[in-house]
N, C-alpha and C. Protein backbone atom coordinates (compact mmCIF):
# COMPACT_ATOMS: atom_id res chain seq x y z
N MET A 1 -2.89 12.90 15.70
CA MET A 1 -1.74 12.07 15.31
C MET A 1 -1.31 12.45 13.89
N ARG A 2 -0.02 12.70 13.71
CA ARG A 2 0.50 13.13 12.41
C ARG A 2 1.04 11.93 11.64
N ILE A 3 0.38 11.64 10.54
CA ILE A 3 0.67 10.43 9.77
C ILE A 3 0.89 10.79 8.31
N ALA A 4 1.84 10.12 7.66
CA ALA A 4 2.03 10.22 6.22
C ALA A 4 1.72 8.88 5.58
N ALA A 5 1.34 8.90 4.33
CA ALA A 5 1.10 7.67 3.57
C ALA A 5 2.20 7.53 2.52
N VAL A 6 2.78 6.34 2.44
CA VAL A 6 3.81 6.06 1.46
C VAL A 6 3.28 5.02 0.48
N VAL A 7 3.08 5.43 -0.76
CA VAL A 7 2.56 4.55 -1.80
C VAL A 7 3.73 3.98 -2.59
N LEU A 8 3.83 2.66 -2.62
CA LEU A 8 4.93 1.99 -3.31
C LEU A 8 4.54 1.73 -4.76
N ALA A 9 5.09 2.54 -5.66
CA ALA A 9 4.70 2.48 -7.07
C ALA A 9 5.92 2.44 -7.98
N ALA A 10 7.03 1.90 -7.48
CA ALA A 10 8.28 1.96 -8.23
C ALA A 10 8.57 0.71 -9.05
N GLY A 11 7.83 -0.36 -8.83
CA GLY A 11 8.14 -1.64 -9.48
C GLY A 11 8.02 -1.61 -10.99
N GLY A 12 8.70 -2.55 -11.62
CA GLY A 12 8.72 -2.62 -13.07
C GLY A 12 7.60 -3.43 -13.69
N SER A 13 6.72 -4.01 -12.88
CA SER A 13 5.57 -4.79 -13.36
C SER A 13 5.98 -5.84 -14.40
N THR A 14 7.06 -6.54 -14.12
CA THR A 14 7.62 -7.49 -15.08
C THR A 14 6.61 -8.56 -15.49
N ARG A 15 5.93 -9.13 -14.52
CA ARG A 15 4.97 -10.20 -14.81
C ARG A 15 3.70 -9.67 -15.47
N PHE A 16 3.40 -8.40 -15.23
CA PHE A 16 2.18 -7.81 -15.79
C PHE A 16 2.38 -7.41 -17.25
N GLY A 17 3.61 -7.07 -17.64
CA GLY A 17 3.91 -6.76 -19.03
C GLY A 17 3.77 -5.29 -19.41
N GLU A 18 3.21 -4.48 -18.54
CA GLU A 18 3.06 -3.04 -18.73
C GLU A 18 2.88 -2.44 -17.35
N PRO A 19 2.92 -1.10 -17.22
CA PRO A 19 2.83 -0.53 -15.87
C PRO A 19 1.53 -0.89 -15.16
N LYS A 20 1.62 -1.75 -14.18
CA LYS A 20 0.42 -2.18 -13.45
C LYS A 20 -0.22 -1.01 -12.71
N GLN A 21 0.60 -0.06 -12.30
CA GLN A 21 0.09 1.09 -11.56
C GLN A 21 -0.94 1.87 -12.38
N LEU A 22 -0.85 1.75 -13.72
CA LEU A 22 -1.74 2.51 -14.61
C LEU A 22 -2.91 1.69 -15.14
N ALA A 23 -3.03 0.44 -14.67
CA ALA A 23 -4.19 -0.37 -15.04
C ALA A 23 -5.44 0.27 -14.43
N ALA A 24 -6.56 0.16 -15.12
CA ALA A 24 -7.78 0.85 -14.70
C ALA A 24 -8.78 -0.08 -14.05
N PHE A 25 -9.50 0.46 -13.09
CA PHE A 25 -10.60 -0.25 -12.43
C PHE A 25 -11.67 0.77 -12.06
N ARG A 26 -12.87 0.56 -12.61
CA ARG A 26 -14.00 1.45 -12.34
C ARG A 26 -13.66 2.92 -12.58
N GLY A 27 -12.99 3.16 -13.71
CA GLY A 27 -12.75 4.53 -14.14
C GLY A 27 -11.54 5.21 -13.56
N GLN A 28 -10.75 4.50 -12.74
CA GLN A 28 -9.54 5.08 -12.17
C GLN A 28 -8.38 4.12 -12.31
N THR A 29 -7.19 4.66 -12.48
CA THR A 29 -6.02 3.80 -12.45
C THR A 29 -5.76 3.36 -11.01
N PHE A 30 -5.06 2.26 -10.86
CA PHE A 30 -4.76 1.77 -9.52
C PHE A 30 -4.02 2.81 -8.69
N VAL A 31 -3.02 3.47 -9.30
CA VAL A 31 -2.23 4.41 -8.51
C VAL A 31 -3.06 5.64 -8.12
N ARG A 32 -3.90 6.10 -9.01
CA ARG A 32 -4.73 7.26 -8.68
C ARG A 32 -5.73 6.91 -7.58
N HIS A 33 -6.27 5.69 -7.64
CA HIS A 33 -7.21 5.25 -6.62
C HIS A 33 -6.56 5.21 -5.23
N ILE A 34 -5.38 4.61 -5.14
CA ILE A 34 -4.77 4.45 -3.81
C ILE A 34 -4.33 5.79 -3.25
N VAL A 35 -3.87 6.70 -4.10
CA VAL A 35 -3.51 8.04 -3.62
C VAL A 35 -4.75 8.77 -3.13
N ALA A 36 -5.86 8.66 -3.87
CA ALA A 36 -7.11 9.30 -3.45
C ALA A 36 -7.60 8.74 -2.11
N ALA A 37 -7.42 7.43 -1.91
CA ALA A 37 -7.85 6.81 -0.66
C ALA A 37 -7.07 7.34 0.53
N ALA A 38 -5.81 7.72 0.30
CA ALA A 38 -4.93 8.15 1.39
C ALA A 38 -4.82 9.66 1.52
N ILE A 39 -5.58 10.40 0.73
CA ILE A 39 -5.33 11.82 0.57
C ILE A 39 -5.59 12.63 1.85
N GLU A 40 -6.24 12.04 2.85
CA GLU A 40 -6.44 12.76 4.11
C GLU A 40 -5.12 12.98 4.85
N ALA A 41 -4.10 12.23 4.49
CA ALA A 41 -2.75 12.41 5.05
C ALA A 41 -1.84 12.92 3.94
N PRO A 42 -0.70 13.50 4.29
CA PRO A 42 0.29 13.79 3.25
C PRO A 42 0.69 12.49 2.55
N VAL A 43 0.68 12.50 1.22
CA VAL A 43 0.95 11.28 0.46
C VAL A 43 2.28 11.41 -0.28
N VAL A 44 3.10 10.38 -0.13
CA VAL A 44 4.36 10.28 -0.85
C VAL A 44 4.28 9.07 -1.77
N VAL A 45 4.53 9.27 -3.05
CA VAL A 45 4.49 8.18 -4.03
C VAL A 45 5.93 7.90 -4.47
N VAL A 46 6.38 6.68 -4.22
CA VAL A 46 7.72 6.29 -4.65
C VAL A 46 7.61 5.72 -6.06
N ALA A 47 8.21 6.40 -7.02
CA ALA A 47 8.12 6.02 -8.43
C ALA A 47 9.50 5.64 -8.94
N GLY A 48 9.52 4.69 -9.87
CA GLY A 48 10.81 4.24 -10.39
C GLY A 48 10.78 3.93 -11.86
N ALA A 49 10.41 2.70 -12.19
CA ALA A 49 10.49 2.23 -13.58
C ALA A 49 9.66 3.09 -14.53
N ASP A 50 8.49 3.52 -14.09
CA ASP A 50 7.57 4.27 -14.96
C ASP A 50 7.25 5.63 -14.34
N ALA A 51 8.29 6.27 -13.81
CA ALA A 51 8.11 7.50 -13.05
C ALA A 51 7.43 8.60 -13.86
N ALA A 52 7.81 8.76 -15.13
CA ALA A 52 7.25 9.84 -15.93
C ALA A 52 5.75 9.64 -16.13
N GLN A 53 5.33 8.40 -16.43
CA GLN A 53 3.92 8.13 -16.66
C GLN A 53 3.12 8.27 -15.37
N ILE A 54 3.68 7.83 -14.27
CA ILE A 54 2.98 7.93 -12.99
C ILE A 54 2.85 9.39 -12.57
N THR A 55 3.90 10.15 -12.76
CA THR A 55 3.85 11.58 -12.44
C THR A 55 2.77 12.27 -13.26
N LEU A 56 2.69 11.96 -14.54
CA LEU A 56 1.67 12.54 -15.39
C LEU A 56 0.27 12.13 -14.94
N GLU A 57 0.12 10.87 -14.58
CA GLU A 57 -1.18 10.36 -14.14
C GLU A 57 -1.67 11.06 -12.88
N LEU A 58 -0.74 11.47 -12.03
CA LEU A 58 -1.12 12.09 -10.75
C LEU A 58 -1.13 13.62 -10.82
N THR A 59 -1.08 14.17 -12.03
CA THR A 59 -1.17 15.62 -12.19
C THR A 59 -2.45 16.14 -11.53
N GLY A 60 -2.31 17.18 -10.74
CA GLY A 60 -3.48 17.78 -10.09
C GLY A 60 -3.83 17.17 -8.75
N ILE A 61 -3.12 16.12 -8.34
CA ILE A 61 -3.36 15.51 -7.03
C ILE A 61 -2.26 15.94 -6.08
N ALA A 62 -2.65 16.24 -4.85
CA ALA A 62 -1.69 16.71 -3.85
C ALA A 62 -0.88 15.55 -3.31
N ALA A 63 0.12 15.15 -4.06
CA ALA A 63 1.00 14.07 -3.63
C ALA A 63 2.43 14.43 -4.01
N SER A 64 3.37 14.03 -3.17
CA SER A 64 4.79 14.23 -3.46
C SER A 64 5.33 13.00 -4.18
N ILE A 65 6.00 13.21 -5.29
CA ILE A 65 6.58 12.10 -6.05
C ILE A 65 8.06 12.00 -5.70
N VAL A 66 8.45 10.83 -5.22
CA VAL A 66 9.85 10.58 -4.91
C VAL A 66 10.43 9.71 -6.03
N MET A 67 11.36 10.25 -6.78
CA MET A 67 12.00 9.48 -7.83
C MET A 67 13.03 8.55 -7.21
N HIS A 68 12.94 7.28 -7.54
CA HIS A 68 13.84 6.29 -6.95
C HIS A 68 14.59 5.55 -8.07
N PRO A 69 15.70 6.10 -8.52
CA PRO A 69 16.42 5.50 -9.65
C PRO A 69 16.89 4.07 -9.38
N GLN A 70 17.08 3.71 -8.11
CA GLN A 70 17.56 2.37 -7.77
C GLN A 70 16.41 1.40 -7.49
N TRP A 71 15.27 1.65 -8.09
CA TRP A 71 14.08 0.84 -7.81
C TRP A 71 14.32 -0.65 -8.08
N SER A 72 15.18 -0.96 -9.05
CA SER A 72 15.40 -2.36 -9.43
C SER A 72 16.13 -3.15 -8.35
N ILE A 73 16.71 -2.47 -7.37
CA ILE A 73 17.37 -3.18 -6.27
C ILE A 73 16.36 -4.01 -5.50
N GLY A 74 15.12 -3.53 -5.44
CA GLY A 74 14.09 -4.31 -4.76
C GLY A 74 13.15 -3.45 -3.93
N LEU A 75 12.10 -4.11 -3.45
CA LEU A 75 11.04 -3.44 -2.70
C LEU A 75 11.58 -2.75 -1.45
N GLY A 76 12.52 -3.40 -0.78
CA GLY A 76 13.07 -2.83 0.45
C GLY A 76 13.66 -1.45 0.23
N SER A 77 14.35 -1.28 -0.88
CA SER A 77 14.97 0.02 -1.16
C SER A 77 13.90 1.09 -1.44
N SER A 78 12.79 0.69 -2.05
CA SER A 78 11.70 1.63 -2.30
C SER A 78 11.05 2.08 -1.00
N ILE A 79 10.86 1.12 -0.08
CA ILE A 79 10.32 1.48 1.23
C ILE A 79 11.26 2.46 1.92
N GLY A 80 12.56 2.16 1.87
CA GLY A 80 13.54 3.05 2.49
C GLY A 80 13.51 4.45 1.91
N ALA A 81 13.36 4.54 0.58
CA ALA A 81 13.31 5.85 -0.07
C ALA A 81 12.09 6.65 0.38
N GLY A 82 10.95 5.98 0.49
CA GLY A 82 9.74 6.66 0.93
C GLY A 82 9.82 7.10 2.38
N ILE A 83 10.31 6.21 3.24
CA ILE A 83 10.41 6.54 4.66
C ILE A 83 11.43 7.65 4.89
N GLN A 84 12.55 7.60 4.18
CA GLN A 84 13.55 8.67 4.32
C GLN A 84 12.96 10.02 3.92
N HIS A 85 12.14 10.01 2.88
CA HIS A 85 11.52 11.27 2.44
C HIS A 85 10.59 11.83 3.51
N VAL A 86 9.76 10.97 4.13
CA VAL A 86 8.84 11.51 5.14
C VAL A 86 9.59 11.96 6.39
N ILE A 87 10.70 11.29 6.71
CA ILE A 87 11.53 11.74 7.84
C ILE A 87 12.11 13.11 7.54
N ASP A 88 12.63 13.29 6.33
CA ASP A 88 13.25 14.57 5.96
C ASP A 88 12.20 15.68 5.86
N SER A 89 10.97 15.31 5.56
CA SER A 89 9.92 16.31 5.34
C SER A 89 9.30 16.80 6.63
N SER A 90 9.30 15.94 7.67
CA SER A 90 8.63 16.33 8.91
C SER A 90 9.28 15.68 10.12
N ALA A 91 9.88 16.51 10.95
CA ALA A 91 10.49 16.00 12.18
C ALA A 91 9.44 15.63 13.21
N GLU A 92 8.20 16.08 13.00
CA GLU A 92 7.14 15.85 13.97
C GLU A 92 6.21 14.71 13.58
N LEU A 93 6.55 13.98 12.54
CA LEU A 93 5.69 12.89 12.08
C LEU A 93 5.64 11.77 13.12
N ASP A 94 4.43 11.24 13.37
CA ASP A 94 4.25 10.19 14.37
C ASP A 94 4.29 8.79 13.76
N ALA A 95 3.85 8.65 12.51
CA ALA A 95 3.73 7.31 11.92
C ALA A 95 3.60 7.42 10.41
N ALA A 96 3.77 6.28 9.75
CA ALA A 96 3.58 6.22 8.29
C ALA A 96 2.79 4.96 7.95
N ILE A 97 1.96 5.07 6.94
CA ILE A 97 1.20 3.94 6.42
C ILE A 97 1.82 3.52 5.09
N LEU A 98 2.17 2.25 4.96
CA LEU A 98 2.68 1.71 3.70
C LEU A 98 1.54 1.14 2.89
N LEU A 99 1.50 1.51 1.60
CA LEU A 99 0.42 1.11 0.70
C LEU A 99 1.00 0.60 -0.61
N ALA A 100 0.32 -0.40 -1.18
CA ALA A 100 0.66 -0.90 -2.52
C ALA A 100 -0.40 -0.42 -3.51
N CYS A 101 -0.05 -0.41 -4.78
CA CYS A 101 -1.00 0.05 -5.80
C CYS A 101 -2.06 -1.00 -6.15
N ASP A 102 -1.70 -2.29 -6.00
CA ASP A 102 -2.59 -3.33 -6.55
C ASP A 102 -3.50 -3.95 -5.50
N GLN A 103 -4.00 -3.13 -4.59
CA GLN A 103 -5.02 -3.56 -3.64
C GLN A 103 -6.22 -2.63 -3.82
N PRO A 104 -7.04 -2.89 -4.84
CA PRO A 104 -8.05 -1.92 -5.27
C PRO A 104 -9.20 -1.69 -4.31
N PHE A 105 -9.32 -2.51 -3.26
CA PHE A 105 -10.40 -2.30 -2.30
C PHE A 105 -9.95 -1.54 -1.06
N VAL A 106 -8.73 -1.04 -1.06
CA VAL A 106 -8.31 -0.14 0.01
C VAL A 106 -9.07 1.18 -0.16
N SER A 107 -9.65 1.65 0.91
CA SER A 107 -10.47 2.87 0.85
C SER A 107 -10.06 3.82 1.96
N ALA A 108 -10.54 5.06 1.86
CA ALA A 108 -10.29 6.04 2.91
C ALA A 108 -10.87 5.56 4.23
N ALA A 109 -12.04 4.93 4.17
CA ALA A 109 -12.68 4.43 5.40
C ALA A 109 -11.83 3.36 6.05
N ALA A 110 -11.27 2.44 5.26
CA ALA A 110 -10.41 1.38 5.81
C ALA A 110 -9.17 1.99 6.46
N LEU A 111 -8.59 3.00 5.84
CA LEU A 111 -7.38 3.61 6.40
C LEU A 111 -7.69 4.37 7.69
N ARG A 112 -8.88 4.96 7.76
CA ARG A 112 -9.27 5.61 9.02
C ARG A 112 -9.38 4.58 10.15
N GLN A 113 -9.93 3.41 9.83
CA GLN A 113 -10.04 2.35 10.82
C GLN A 113 -8.66 1.86 11.26
N LEU A 114 -7.74 1.80 10.31
CA LEU A 114 -6.36 1.40 10.62
C LEU A 114 -5.75 2.36 11.64
N VAL A 115 -5.93 3.65 11.40
CA VAL A 115 -5.40 4.67 12.30
C VAL A 115 -6.09 4.59 13.66
N GLN A 116 -7.39 4.40 13.66
CA GLN A 116 -8.13 4.31 14.91
C GLN A 116 -7.65 3.14 15.76
N LEU A 117 -7.34 2.02 15.11
CA LEU A 117 -6.83 0.86 15.83
C LEU A 117 -5.47 1.16 16.45
N ARG A 118 -4.66 1.95 15.79
CA ARG A 118 -3.38 2.37 16.38
C ARG A 118 -3.63 3.15 17.67
N LEU A 119 -4.62 4.02 17.65
CA LEU A 119 -4.90 4.86 18.81
C LEU A 119 -5.46 4.04 19.97
N THR A 120 -6.32 3.09 19.66
CA THR A 120 -6.97 2.32 20.72
C THR A 120 -6.09 1.19 21.25
N SER A 121 -5.24 0.63 20.39
CA SER A 121 -4.42 -0.51 20.80
C SER A 121 -3.11 -0.09 21.47
N GLY A 122 -2.59 1.06 21.07
CA GLY A 122 -1.30 1.50 21.57
C GLY A 122 -0.12 0.74 20.98
N LYS A 123 -0.39 -0.15 20.02
CA LYS A 123 0.68 -0.93 19.41
C LYS A 123 1.42 -0.08 18.38
N PRO A 124 2.74 -0.28 18.25
CA PRO A 124 3.49 0.53 17.28
C PRO A 124 3.27 0.13 15.83
N ILE A 125 2.70 -1.06 15.61
CA ILE A 125 2.43 -1.52 14.24
C ILE A 125 0.97 -1.97 14.16
N VAL A 126 0.29 -1.53 13.14
CA VAL A 126 -1.05 -2.05 12.82
C VAL A 126 -0.98 -2.61 11.41
N ALA A 127 -1.22 -3.92 11.28
CA ALA A 127 -1.07 -4.57 9.97
C ALA A 127 -2.38 -5.24 9.57
N SER A 128 -2.64 -5.23 8.28
CA SER A 128 -3.85 -5.87 7.76
C SER A 128 -3.74 -7.38 7.91
N ALA A 129 -4.83 -7.98 8.38
CA ALA A 129 -4.90 -9.44 8.54
C ALA A 129 -5.76 -10.00 7.42
N TYR A 130 -5.16 -10.91 6.62
CA TYR A 130 -5.86 -11.51 5.49
C TYR A 130 -5.16 -12.80 5.10
N ALA A 131 -5.93 -13.75 4.59
CA ALA A 131 -5.37 -15.00 4.08
C ALA A 131 -4.37 -15.64 5.05
N ALA A 132 -4.72 -15.64 6.34
CA ALA A 132 -3.92 -16.27 7.39
C ALA A 132 -2.53 -15.66 7.53
N THR A 133 -2.38 -14.39 7.18
CA THR A 133 -1.10 -13.72 7.36
C THR A 133 -1.34 -12.25 7.71
N LEU A 134 -0.27 -11.51 7.84
CA LEU A 134 -0.33 -10.07 8.12
C LEU A 134 0.50 -9.35 7.08
N GLY A 135 0.05 -8.16 6.69
CA GLY A 135 0.80 -7.42 5.68
C GLY A 135 0.28 -6.01 5.52
N ILE A 136 0.58 -5.42 4.37
CA ILE A 136 0.12 -4.06 4.10
C ILE A 136 -1.26 -4.10 3.42
N PRO A 137 -2.01 -3.00 3.61
CA PRO A 137 -1.70 -1.75 4.26
C PRO A 137 -1.32 -1.95 5.73
N ALA A 138 -0.30 -1.24 6.15
CA ALA A 138 0.15 -1.34 7.53
C ALA A 138 0.66 0.02 7.99
N LEU A 139 0.40 0.30 9.26
CA LEU A 139 0.85 1.54 9.87
C LEU A 139 2.04 1.24 10.77
N PHE A 140 3.08 2.06 10.66
CA PHE A 140 4.29 1.89 11.47
C PHE A 140 4.55 3.17 12.25
N ASP A 141 4.66 3.02 13.56
CA ASP A 141 5.04 4.14 14.41
C ASP A 141 6.45 4.62 14.04
N ARG A 142 6.73 5.87 14.35
CA ARG A 142 8.05 6.43 14.03
C ARG A 142 9.19 5.60 14.63
N SER A 143 8.93 4.94 15.77
CA SER A 143 9.96 4.12 16.39
C SER A 143 10.37 2.95 15.51
N CYS A 144 9.54 2.60 14.50
CA CYS A 144 9.84 1.51 13.57
C CYS A 144 10.63 1.96 12.35
N PHE A 145 10.77 3.27 12.17
CA PHE A 145 11.41 3.77 10.95
C PHE A 145 12.84 3.24 10.76
N PRO A 146 13.65 3.14 11.82
CA PRO A 146 15.00 2.59 11.60
C PRO A 146 14.98 1.18 11.01
N ASP A 147 14.03 0.34 11.44
CA ASP A 147 13.92 -1.00 10.87
C ASP A 147 13.53 -0.95 9.40
N LEU A 148 12.62 -0.04 9.05
CA LEU A 148 12.19 0.08 7.66
C LEU A 148 13.33 0.58 6.78
N LEU A 149 14.16 1.45 7.32
CA LEU A 149 15.28 1.98 6.55
C LEU A 149 16.36 0.93 6.32
N GLN A 150 16.36 -0.11 7.13
CA GLN A 150 17.37 -1.16 7.01
C GLN A 150 16.99 -2.26 6.01
N LEU A 151 15.79 -2.19 5.46
CA LEU A 151 15.35 -3.23 4.52
C LEU A 151 16.23 -3.24 3.28
N LYS A 152 16.57 -4.44 2.83
CA LYS A 152 17.44 -4.59 1.67
C LYS A 152 16.79 -5.48 0.62
N GLY A 153 17.20 -5.27 -0.63
CA GLY A 153 16.75 -6.14 -1.72
C GLY A 153 15.24 -6.20 -1.81
N ASP A 154 14.73 -7.41 -1.99
CA ASP A 154 13.29 -7.59 -2.15
C ASP A 154 12.58 -7.82 -0.82
N ARG A 155 13.27 -7.64 0.29
CA ARG A 155 12.63 -7.79 1.59
C ARG A 155 11.69 -6.62 1.83
N GLY A 156 10.40 -6.96 1.98
CA GLY A 156 9.41 -5.93 2.26
C GLY A 156 9.16 -5.81 3.75
N ALA A 157 8.12 -5.07 4.08
CA ALA A 157 7.80 -4.81 5.48
C ALA A 157 7.20 -6.03 6.19
N LYS A 158 6.74 -7.02 5.43
CA LYS A 158 6.12 -8.19 6.06
C LYS A 158 7.09 -8.87 7.04
N GLY A 159 8.37 -8.92 6.70
CA GLY A 159 9.34 -9.55 7.58
C GLY A 159 9.38 -8.88 8.95
N ILE A 160 9.32 -7.54 8.95
CA ILE A 160 9.29 -6.80 10.21
C ILE A 160 8.02 -7.11 10.98
N ILE A 161 6.90 -7.12 10.28
CA ILE A 161 5.61 -7.39 10.92
C ILE A 161 5.60 -8.76 11.58
N LEU A 162 6.04 -9.77 10.84
CA LEU A 162 5.98 -11.15 11.35
C LEU A 162 7.00 -11.41 12.44
N SER A 163 8.10 -10.70 12.43
CA SER A 163 9.12 -10.90 13.46
C SER A 163 8.81 -10.14 14.74
N ARG A 164 7.84 -9.24 14.67
CA ARG A 164 7.49 -8.42 15.85
C ARG A 164 6.00 -8.52 16.15
N GLN A 165 5.46 -9.72 16.08
CA GLN A 165 4.01 -9.86 16.21
C GLN A 165 3.49 -9.40 17.58
N HIS A 166 4.35 -9.41 18.59
CA HIS A 166 3.94 -8.91 19.91
C HIS A 166 3.70 -7.40 19.88
N ASP A 167 4.24 -6.74 18.85
CA ASP A 167 4.07 -5.29 18.70
C ASP A 167 2.98 -4.93 17.70
N VAL A 168 2.27 -5.94 17.20
CA VAL A 168 1.33 -5.72 16.09
C VAL A 168 -0.12 -5.84 16.55
N ALA A 169 -0.93 -4.86 16.15
CA ALA A 169 -2.38 -4.97 16.28
C ALA A 169 -2.91 -5.38 14.92
N PRO A 170 -3.56 -6.56 14.79
CA PRO A 170 -4.08 -6.98 13.49
C PRO A 170 -5.37 -6.26 13.13
N PHE A 171 -5.44 -5.79 11.91
CA PHE A 171 -6.63 -5.12 11.39
C PHE A 171 -7.30 -6.06 10.40
N ASN A 172 -8.48 -6.55 10.72
CA ASN A 172 -9.16 -7.53 9.88
C ASN A 172 -9.56 -6.92 8.54
N PHE A 173 -8.89 -7.33 7.47
CA PHE A 173 -9.11 -6.73 6.15
C PHE A 173 -8.93 -7.80 5.07
N PRO A 174 -9.87 -8.75 4.96
CA PRO A 174 -9.72 -9.85 4.00
C PRO A 174 -9.53 -9.40 2.56
N ALA A 175 -10.09 -8.24 2.19
CA ALA A 175 -9.99 -7.78 0.79
C ALA A 175 -8.56 -7.43 0.40
N ALA A 176 -7.67 -7.28 1.38
CA ALA A 176 -6.27 -7.00 1.06
C ALA A 176 -5.58 -8.22 0.46
N ALA A 177 -6.24 -9.37 0.52
CA ALA A 177 -5.65 -10.59 -0.05
C ALA A 177 -5.63 -10.56 -1.57
N ILE A 178 -6.43 -9.69 -2.17
CA ILE A 178 -6.48 -9.60 -3.62
C ILE A 178 -5.12 -9.13 -4.13
N ASP A 179 -4.51 -9.94 -4.99
CA ASP A 179 -3.16 -9.67 -5.47
C ASP A 179 -3.17 -9.80 -6.99
N ILE A 180 -2.83 -8.73 -7.68
CA ILE A 180 -2.89 -8.71 -9.14
C ILE A 180 -1.47 -8.61 -9.68
N ASP A 181 -0.94 -9.73 -10.15
CA ASP A 181 0.44 -9.77 -10.63
C ASP A 181 0.56 -9.95 -12.14
N THR A 182 -0.42 -10.62 -12.75
CA THR A 182 -0.33 -10.97 -14.17
C THR A 182 -1.56 -10.46 -14.92
N PRO A 183 -1.50 -10.40 -16.26
CA PRO A 183 -2.68 -10.02 -17.03
C PRO A 183 -3.86 -10.95 -16.75
N ALA A 184 -3.59 -12.23 -16.52
CA ALA A 184 -4.68 -13.17 -16.22
C ALA A 184 -5.34 -12.83 -14.88
N ASP A 185 -4.53 -12.47 -13.88
CA ASP A 185 -5.09 -12.03 -12.59
C ASP A 185 -6.00 -10.82 -12.80
N TYR A 186 -5.53 -9.89 -13.60
CA TYR A 186 -6.26 -8.64 -13.84
C TYR A 186 -7.58 -8.90 -14.55
N GLN A 187 -7.54 -9.71 -15.60
CA GLN A 187 -8.76 -10.01 -16.35
C GLN A 187 -9.77 -10.76 -15.48
N HIS A 188 -9.27 -11.68 -14.66
CA HIS A 188 -10.16 -12.41 -13.76
C HIS A 188 -10.80 -11.45 -12.76
N PHE A 189 -10.00 -10.55 -12.24
CA PHE A 189 -10.50 -9.57 -11.28
C PHE A 189 -11.57 -8.68 -11.93
N LEU A 190 -11.29 -8.19 -13.14
CA LEU A 190 -12.26 -7.34 -13.83
C LEU A 190 -13.55 -8.09 -14.14
N SER A 191 -13.43 -9.35 -14.52
CA SER A 191 -14.63 -10.13 -14.86
C SER A 191 -15.58 -10.25 -13.69
N GLN A 192 -15.05 -10.20 -12.48
CA GLN A 192 -15.88 -10.33 -11.29
C GLN A 192 -16.29 -9.00 -10.70
N ASN A 193 -15.63 -7.92 -11.12
CA ASN A 193 -15.82 -6.66 -10.41
C ASN A 193 -16.11 -5.43 -11.26
N GLU A 194 -15.73 -5.43 -12.53
CA GLU A 194 -15.78 -4.19 -13.30
C GLU A 194 -17.16 -3.54 -13.31
N THR A 195 -18.20 -4.34 -13.50
CA THR A 195 -19.55 -3.78 -13.57
C THR A 195 -20.37 -4.12 -12.34
N ALA A 196 -19.78 -4.87 -11.40
CA ALA A 196 -20.53 -5.26 -10.22
C ALA A 196 -20.72 -4.07 -9.29
N SER A 197 -21.88 -4.03 -8.63
CA SER A 197 -22.16 -2.93 -7.73
C SER A 197 -21.96 -3.32 -6.27
N PHE A 198 -21.67 -4.60 -6.01
CA PHE A 198 -21.54 -5.02 -4.62
C PHE A 198 -20.21 -4.54 -4.05
N PRO A 199 -20.15 -4.35 -2.72
CA PRO A 199 -18.94 -3.82 -2.08
C PRO A 199 -17.85 -4.86 -1.94
N ALA A 200 -16.70 -4.42 -1.46
CA ALA A 200 -15.55 -5.31 -1.30
C ALA A 200 -15.88 -6.51 -0.45
N GLU A 201 -16.68 -6.30 0.61
CA GLU A 201 -16.99 -7.41 1.52
C GLU A 201 -17.70 -8.54 0.79
N GLU A 202 -18.56 -8.18 -0.15
CA GLU A 202 -19.29 -9.21 -0.89
C GLU A 202 -18.35 -9.94 -1.85
N PHE A 203 -17.43 -9.20 -2.47
CA PHE A 203 -16.46 -9.88 -3.34
C PHE A 203 -15.63 -10.87 -2.53
N VAL A 204 -15.23 -10.47 -1.34
CA VAL A 204 -14.43 -11.36 -0.49
C VAL A 204 -15.18 -12.65 -0.22
N LYS A 205 -16.48 -12.56 0.06
CA LYS A 205 -17.27 -13.77 0.31
C LYS A 205 -17.39 -14.62 -0.95
N ARG A 206 -17.64 -13.97 -2.07
CA ARG A 206 -17.81 -14.72 -3.33
C ARG A 206 -16.52 -15.44 -3.73
N ALA A 207 -15.38 -14.80 -3.44
CA ALA A 207 -14.09 -15.38 -3.79
C ALA A 207 -13.59 -16.37 -2.75
N GLY A 208 -14.30 -16.47 -1.63
CA GLY A 208 -13.90 -17.39 -0.58
C GLY A 208 -12.74 -16.89 0.26
N LEU A 209 -12.39 -15.60 0.13
CA LEU A 209 -11.24 -15.07 0.86
C LEU A 209 -11.53 -14.96 2.34
N ASP A 210 -12.81 -14.89 2.72
CA ASP A 210 -13.15 -14.78 4.14
C ASP A 210 -12.92 -16.10 4.87
N ARG A 211 -12.68 -17.17 4.13
CA ARG A 211 -12.47 -18.48 4.76
C ARG A 211 -10.99 -18.84 4.84
N LEU A 212 -10.11 -17.97 4.30
CA LEU A 212 -8.68 -18.27 4.30
C LEU A 212 -8.05 -17.99 5.66
């Protein structure tokens, strides 16, 4: 199965106060970590507000950087830019995985499981299940690309996932609930994880995310 990964890294990190994509965790920036996790597939990074810094950070990594000058229009436009790039790059592509930078427990192993669930379920969408909802990381079959290209403003892929639940295979991934939007979120996350040796599953239990 031919799959590309689209990393959404164009946001302005307004609430964070500085480029969140470049925040560090266990010796890696968030954006470098997520690209490394997805590197088994062709990786497209949609960059906008901090494109120069992100491009520099990813020097030496096999990823395509898509400059998205209209990033401020909203998340939907960034998704469209990434999906359009993978369509233009490969007419034979079967699916794309959408990824965010601020989900630090996404791993190559988790993404392999996501792909495997697509193969076993036959569903055109595989979405992470966490905190009583569905969202990204999520895999979208090529047949879903027109819907992704139609996203406008701040509408992300979650709307497509929730409106087409009959087409969705849920991938149990409680650690995807971790959401880092502010410096306080980041400091709290680091205080629980920076030097801890336990895996994501243990953090999920300690944080009570497995009960959501």
